[in-house]
Amino acid sequence: MGVVNVTPDSFSDGGRFLEAQVAVEHGLKLVEEGADILDIGGESTRPGAAPVSEGEELRRVMPVIEALKTKVNVPVSIDTMKPAVARAALEAGASIVNDVGANRTDMEMWRVTAAAGAGYICMHMQGTPRTMQANPSYGNVVEEVAQFFSERIQRMSDCGIGLAQVILDPGIGFGKTLEHNLELLAGLRRFSRFERPVAIGVSRKSFLERLLPESQRSEARGERSEARGQRSEVNTFENRLPGALACACLAVEAGVQIIRTHDVPETVRAIRTAEAIIAPRSKRS
């Protein structure tokens, strides 16, 4: 799943694809590089991000979705927490709702998804993007996320979303500490009991940098300081890529079917290698 952020403030590429035509061209490039799904988002969900208005989010994403649907043959996903944005995107040709706000109490998003017969990515998050990293706390993060999925599957069913429409995302980095993220990645097989596709997004997330030796983190901080006023975080994101690829390969080995990424060609090559290694084991079993 290739990421197209039509935002000025996303942590990885905010502002690079804010202009609709540039975002469309980026989406086309991701498909050429091997993306099987395009995920279009108009509101940053980085830690601490402030929400944007419904009108502004629609202004950002609708021209991109409308243009891409005439140019690509892969499914388009709308990354939104707003039912009205999801409805407009689905009417324009999107076929998946990627909802980081699946922890809500209101059911309108599920009714919109059910009415459209769309796919739905149910993502776990503790809190909201603005508050989620304030003090995340769990007894057993893997079991609590699994309980969340079980409860949400039932609630979505009550709204008319069939199990065949559901994709599960444990929400790496969304209301989790470094230790929580690692526990979830180690426990991905536990979610296979739901017999639904699992998606993960680890691409360029900050916890990957915290796994680096301190010398490399210090070097990255120095490079950011020297580049102040420019695109200061590029080196940090490059440092995070190897870790993201390792997570993607281990996730595929654990049965995950969808990897959400900013780095499509590198991720495709890494996954294809992992699949080639796993394939003989599958034949033996």
Protein backbone atom coordinates (compact mmCIF):
# COMPACT_ATOMS: atom_id res chain seq x y z
CA MET A 1 0.00 0.00 0.00
CA GLY A 2 1.70 3.17 -1.23
CA VAL A 3 1.17 6.37 0.77
CA VAL A 4 0.13 9.68 -0.82
CA ASN A 5 -0.04 12.39 1.85
CA VAL A 6 -1.83 15.48 0.54
CA THR A 7 -0.87 17.41 3.67
CA PRO A 8 1.48 20.21 4.74
CA ASP A 9 2.40 18.59 8.07
CA SER A 10 2.74 14.82 7.83
CA PHE A 11 5.85 13.66 9.69
CA SER A 12 7.47 12.02 6.67
CA ASP A 13 6.70 14.06 3.57
CA GLY A 14 4.42 16.90 4.64
CA GLY A 15 4.10 19.53 1.93
CA ARG A 16 5.81 17.58 -0.85
CA PHE A 17 2.54 16.47 -2.45
CA LEU A 18 0.13 19.17 -1.28
CA GLU A 19 -0.55 20.33 -4.84
CA ALA A 20 -3.09 17.98 -6.44
CA GLN A 21 -1.21 17.38 -9.69
CA VAL A 22 2.00 16.62 -7.84
CA ALA A 23 0.13 14.16 -5.61
CA VAL A 24 -1.41 12.47 -8.66
CA GLU A 25 1.99 12.13 -10.31
CA HIS A 26 3.39 10.65 -7.11
CA GLY A 27 0.54 8.13 -6.98
CA LEU A 28 1.22 7.08 -10.58
CA LYS A 29 4.90 6.67 -9.75
CA LEU A 30 4.10 4.46 -6.76
CA VAL A 31 1.97 2.19 -8.95
CA GLU A 32 4.79 1.94 -11.49
CA GLU A 33 7.11 0.99 -8.62
CA GLY A 34 4.83 -1.85 -7.52
CA ALA A 35 2.12 -0.48 -5.22
CA ASP A 36 -0.99 -2.70 -5.20
CA ILE A 37 -3.10 -0.10 -3.35
CA LEU A 38 -2.87 3.70 -3.10
CA ASP A 39 -3.74 5.28 0.26
CA ILE A 40 -4.72 8.95 -0.07
CA GLY A 41 -4.84 11.11 3.05
CA GLY A 42 -5.55 14.80 3.62
CA GLU A 43 -5.13 15.07 7.39
CA SER A 44 -1.92 14.31 9.26
CA THR A 45 -2.18 11.69 11.99
CA ARG A 46 1.35 12.14 13.32
CA PRO A 47 1.64 12.40 17.13
CA GLY A 48 0.35 15.78 18.28
CA ALA A 49 -1.27 16.64 14.96
CA ALA A 50 -4.17 19.07 15.05
CA PRO A 51 -7.34 18.12 13.14
CA VAL A 52 -8.33 19.92 9.95
CA SER A 53 -11.81 20.92 8.89
CA GLU A 54 -13.99 18.65 6.80
CA GLY A 55 -14.02 21.19 3.97
CA GLU A 56 -10.23 21.49 3.90
CA GLU A 57 -9.73 17.75 3.91
CA LEU A 58 -12.17 17.37 1.01
CA ARG A 59 -10.41 20.15 -0.88
CA ARG A 60 -7.11 18.32 -0.54
CA VAL A 61 -8.07 14.74 -1.37
CA MET A 62 -10.97 14.85 -3.82
CA PRO A 63 -9.10 16.14 -6.90
CA VAL A 64 -6.40 13.53 -6.30
CA ILE A 65 -8.83 10.62 -5.97
CA GLU A 66 -10.89 11.74 -8.95
CA ALA A 67 -7.81 12.01 -11.16
CA LEU A 68 -6.17 8.77 -10.02
CA LYS A 69 -9.31 6.71 -10.59
CA THR A 70 -9.14 7.58 -14.29
CA LYS A 71 -5.45 6.63 -14.53
CA VAL A 72 -4.79 3.55 -12.37
CA ASN A 73 -6.25 0.06 -12.09
CA VAL A 74 -5.32 -0.53 -8.45
CA PRO A 75 -7.71 0.06 -5.54
CA VAL A 76 -7.69 3.52 -3.99
CA SER A 77 -8.03 3.88 -0.22
CA ILE A 78 -9.13 7.03 1.60
CA ASP A 79 -7.25 7.60 4.85
CA THR A 80 -9.73 9.59 6.93
CA MET A 81 -11.54 9.75 10.25
CA LYS A 82 -14.46 11.78 8.86
CA PRO A 83 -17.58 9.97 7.56
CA ALA A 84 -18.41 12.77 5.11
CA VAL A 85 -14.94 12.61 3.58
CA ALA A 86 -15.17 8.82 3.34
CA ARG A 87 -18.58 9.07 1.66
CA ALA A 88 -17.37 11.58 -0.95
CA ALA A 89 -14.22 9.55 -1.65
CA LEU A 90 -16.19 6.32 -2.08
CA GLU A 91 -18.62 8.05 -4.42
CA ALA A 92 -15.61 9.25 -6.45
CA GLY A 93 -14.28 5.72 -6.84
CA ALA A 94 -12.29 4.87 -3.73
CA SER A 95 -13.02 1.34 -2.54
CA ILE A 96 -11.37 1.17 0.91
CA VAL A 97 -11.74 3.31 4.03
CA ASN A 98 -8.53 3.39 6.09
CA ASP A 99 -9.80 4.55 9.48
CA VAL A 100 -7.33 5.33 12.26
CA GLY A 101 -10.32 6.44 14.33
CA ALA A 102 -11.94 3.01 14.63
CA ASN A 103 -11.92 3.49 18.43
CA ARG A 104 -14.77 6.00 18.14
CA THR A 105 -18.14 5.52 19.81
CA ASP A 106 -20.18 6.99 16.93
CA MET A 107 -21.22 4.48 14.23
CA GLU A 108 -21.66 6.81 11.24
CA MET A 109 -18.36 5.82 9.56
CA TRP A 110 -19.39 2.18 9.65
CA ARG A 111 -22.80 2.96 8.18
CA VAL A 112 -21.15 4.87 5.33
CA THR A 113 -18.79 1.97 4.67
CA ALA A 114 -21.59 -0.59 4.81
CA ALA A 115 -23.76 1.40 2.40
CA ALA A 116 -20.92 1.52 -0.13
CA GLY A 117 -19.91 -2.13 0.32
CA ALA A 118 -16.33 -0.88 0.72
CA GLY A 119 -13.34 -2.43 2.39
CA TYR A 120 -12.60 -1.13 5.88
CA ILE A 121 -9.26 -1.00 7.66
CA CYS A 122 -10.02 -1.13 11.37
CA MET A 123 -7.02 0.36 13.16
CA HIS A 124 -6.35 0.32 16.88
CA MET A 125 -5.38 3.60 18.50
CA GLN A 126 -5.29 4.64 22.16
CA GLY A 127 -6.58 8.22 22.30
CA THR A 128 -6.44 10.61 19.33
CA PRO A 129 -3.50 11.70 17.13
CA ARG A 130 -3.15 14.79 19.33
CA THR A 131 -3.09 12.83 22.62
CA MET A 132 -2.08 9.27 21.75
CA GLN A 133 1.57 9.49 22.80
CA ALA A 134 0.96 11.36 26.05
CA ASN A 135 1.04 8.28 28.27
CA PRO A 136 0.11 5.04 26.46
CA SER A 137 -0.53 2.23 28.92
CA TYR A 138 -1.50 -1.45 28.56
CA GLY A 139 -1.51 -4.56 30.67
CA ASN A 140 -0.93 -6.84 27.69
CA VAL A 141 -0.89 -4.84 24.48
CA VAL A 142 -1.31 -7.81 22.11
CA GLU A 143 -4.32 -9.19 23.96
CA GLU A 144 -5.90 -5.76 24.42
CA VAL A 145 -5.60 -5.00 20.71
CA ALA A 146 -7.09 -8.43 19.93
CA GLN A 147 -9.99 -7.71 22.29
CA PHE A 148 -10.51 -4.37 20.53
CA PHE A 149 -10.69 -6.15 17.15
CA SER A 150 -13.19 -8.69 18.47
CA GLU A 151 -15.45 -5.99 19.90
CA ARG A 152 -15.21 -3.81 16.79
CA ILE A 153 -15.97 -6.69 14.41
CA GLN A 154 -19.22 -7.24 16.30
CA ARG A 155 -20.14 -3.55 16.33
CA MET A 156 -19.36 -3.20 12.62
CA SER A 157 -21.49 -6.27 11.90
CA ASP A 158 -24.38 -4.58 13.71
CA CYS A 159 -23.97 -1.68 11.23
CA GLY A 160 -23.97 -3.94 8.18
CA ILE A 161 -20.23 -4.38 7.52
CA GLY A 162 -19.60 -8.01 6.64
CA LEU A 163 -16.50 -9.80 7.90
CA ALA A 164 -15.28 -10.10 4.29
CA GLN A 165 -14.94 -6.29 4.15
CA VAL A 166 -12.70 -6.02 7.21
CA ILE A 167 -8.92 -5.58 7.38
CA LEU A 168 -7.24 -5.34 10.79
CA ASP A 169 -4.40 -2.95 11.67
CA PRO A 170 -2.85 -3.10 15.16
CA GLY A 171 -1.82 0.57 14.87
CA ILE A 172 1.94 0.50 15.27
CA GLY A 173 2.95 3.88 16.75
CA PHE A 174 -0.61 4.98 17.51
CA GLY A 175 -0.76 5.27 21.27
CA LYS A 176 2.13 2.87 21.86
CA THR A 177 5.58 3.09 23.38
CA LEU A 178 8.65 1.55 21.76
CA GLU A 179 8.13 -1.57 23.88
CA HIS A 180 4.45 -1.80 22.90
CA ASN A 181 5.36 -1.55 19.21
CA LEU A 182 7.92 -4.33 19.53
CA GLU A 183 5.48 -6.55 21.43
CA LEU A 184 2.84 -6.07 18.73
CA LEU A 185 5.29 -6.85 15.95
CA ALA A 186 6.41 -9.98 17.80
CA GLY A 187 2.79 -11.02 18.35
CA LEU A 188 1.34 -10.48 14.87
CA ARG A 189 0.49 -14.17 14.47
CA ARG A 190 -2.02 -13.81 17.30
CA PHE A 191 -4.29 -11.80 15.01
CA SER A 192 -4.59 -14.63 12.48
CA ARG A 193 -7.36 -16.08 14.66
CA PHE A 194 -9.76 -13.54 13.16
CA GLU A 195 -9.18 -15.02 9.68
CA ARG A 196 -9.00 -11.54 8.17
CA PRO A 197 -6.17 -9.75 6.34
CA VAL A 198 -3.83 -7.84 8.63
CA ALA A 199 -2.20 -4.55 7.61
CA ILE A 200 0.67 -2.78 9.32
CA GLY A 201 2.27 0.63 8.88
CA VAL A 202 5.80 0.94 10.21
CA SER A 203 7.22 3.08 7.41
CA ARG A 204 9.68 5.73 8.70
CA LYS A 205 8.17 5.79 12.19
CA SER A 206 10.23 7.32 14.96
CA PHE A 207 10.50 4.19 17.11
CA LEU A 208 12.75 2.70 14.40
CA GLU A 209 15.31 5.42 15.01
CA ARG A 210 15.30 4.72 18.73
CA LEU A 211 16.53 1.21 17.93
CA LEU A 212 19.69 2.65 16.32
CA PRO A 213 22.98 2.90 18.22
CA GLU A 214 23.31 6.28 19.95
CA SER A 215 26.20 7.26 17.65
CA GLN A 216 23.96 7.02 14.59
CA ARG A 217 21.15 8.92 16.30
CA SER A 218 23.59 11.68 17.29
CA GLU A 219 24.87 11.90 13.72
CA ALA A 220 21.33 12.23 12.39
CA ARG A 221 20.55 14.97 14.93
CA GLY A 222 23.67 16.83 13.85
CA GLU A 223 22.71 16.60 10.19
CA ARG A 224 19.24 17.91 11.00
CA SER A 225 20.72 20.84 12.89
CA GLU A 226 23.00 21.78 9.99
CA ALA A 227 20.08 21.57 7.58
CA ARG A 228 17.78 23.77 9.69
CA GLY A 229 15.41 25.75 7.52
CA GLN A 230 15.58 23.16 4.74
CA ARG A 231 14.23 19.61 4.51
CA SER A 232 15.90 18.84 7.82
CA GLU A 233 14.56 15.36 8.53
CA VAL A 234 15.61 13.57 5.33
CA ASN A 235 18.62 11.87 6.90
CA THR A 236 16.54 10.65 9.82
CA PHE A 237 14.04 9.01 7.49
CA GLU A 238 16.82 7.36 5.51
CA ASN A 239 18.17 5.95 8.77
CA ARG A 240 14.75 4.46 9.50
CA LEU A 241 14.36 2.65 6.17
CA PRO A 242 16.39 -0.51 6.98
CA GLY A 243 14.40 -1.01 10.18
CA ALA A 244 11.11 -0.57 8.33
CA LEU A 245 12.16 -3.16 5.75
CA ALA A 246 13.11 -5.62 8.51
CA CYS A 247 9.68 -5.13 10.10
CA ALA A 248 7.95 -5.62 6.73
CA CYS A 249 9.76 -8.90 6.06
CA LEU A 250 9.10 -10.28 9.54
CA ALA A 251 5.44 -9.21 9.25
CA VAL A 252 5.04 -11.05 5.95
CA GLU A 253 6.58 -14.15 7.54
CA ALA A 254 4.00 -13.79 10.33
CA GLY A 255 1.14 -13.73 7.82
CA VAL A 256 0.54 -10.00 7.33
CA GLN A 257 -0.92 -9.27 3.87
CA ILE A 258 -0.72 -5.47 3.57
CA ILE A 259 2.35 -3.31 4.22
CA ARG A 260 1.66 0.44 4.19
CA THR A 261 4.81 2.25 3.07
CA HIS A 262 6.32 5.45 1.71
CA ASP A 263 9.17 3.47 0.12
CA VAL A 264 7.43 1.23 -2.39
CA PRO A 265 10.28 -0.11 -4.58
CA GLU A 266 12.52 -0.96 -1.63
CA THR A 267 9.65 -2.60 0.24
CA VAL A 268 8.52 -4.61 -2.79
CA ARG A 269 12.02 -5.99 -3.31
CA ALA A 270 12.41 -6.87 0.36
CA ILE A 271 9.02 -8.60 0.52
CA ARG A 272 9.60 -10.57 -2.68
CA THR A 273 12.85 -11.85 -1.19
CA ALA A 274 11.11 -12.82 2.05
CA GLU A 275 8.36 -14.59 0.12
CA ALA A 276 10.91 -16.55 -1.93
CA ILE A 277 12.53 -17.77 1.30
CA ILE A 278 9.18 -18.66 2.89
CA ALA A 279 7.78 -20.48 -0.17
CA PRO A 280 9.75 -23.76 0.20
CA ARG A 281 8.57 -24.05 3.81
CA SER A 282 4.95 -23.72 2.66
CA LYS A 283 5.43 -26.49 0.10
CA ARG A 284 6.88 -28.82 2.73
CA SER A 285 3.97 -28.22 5.09
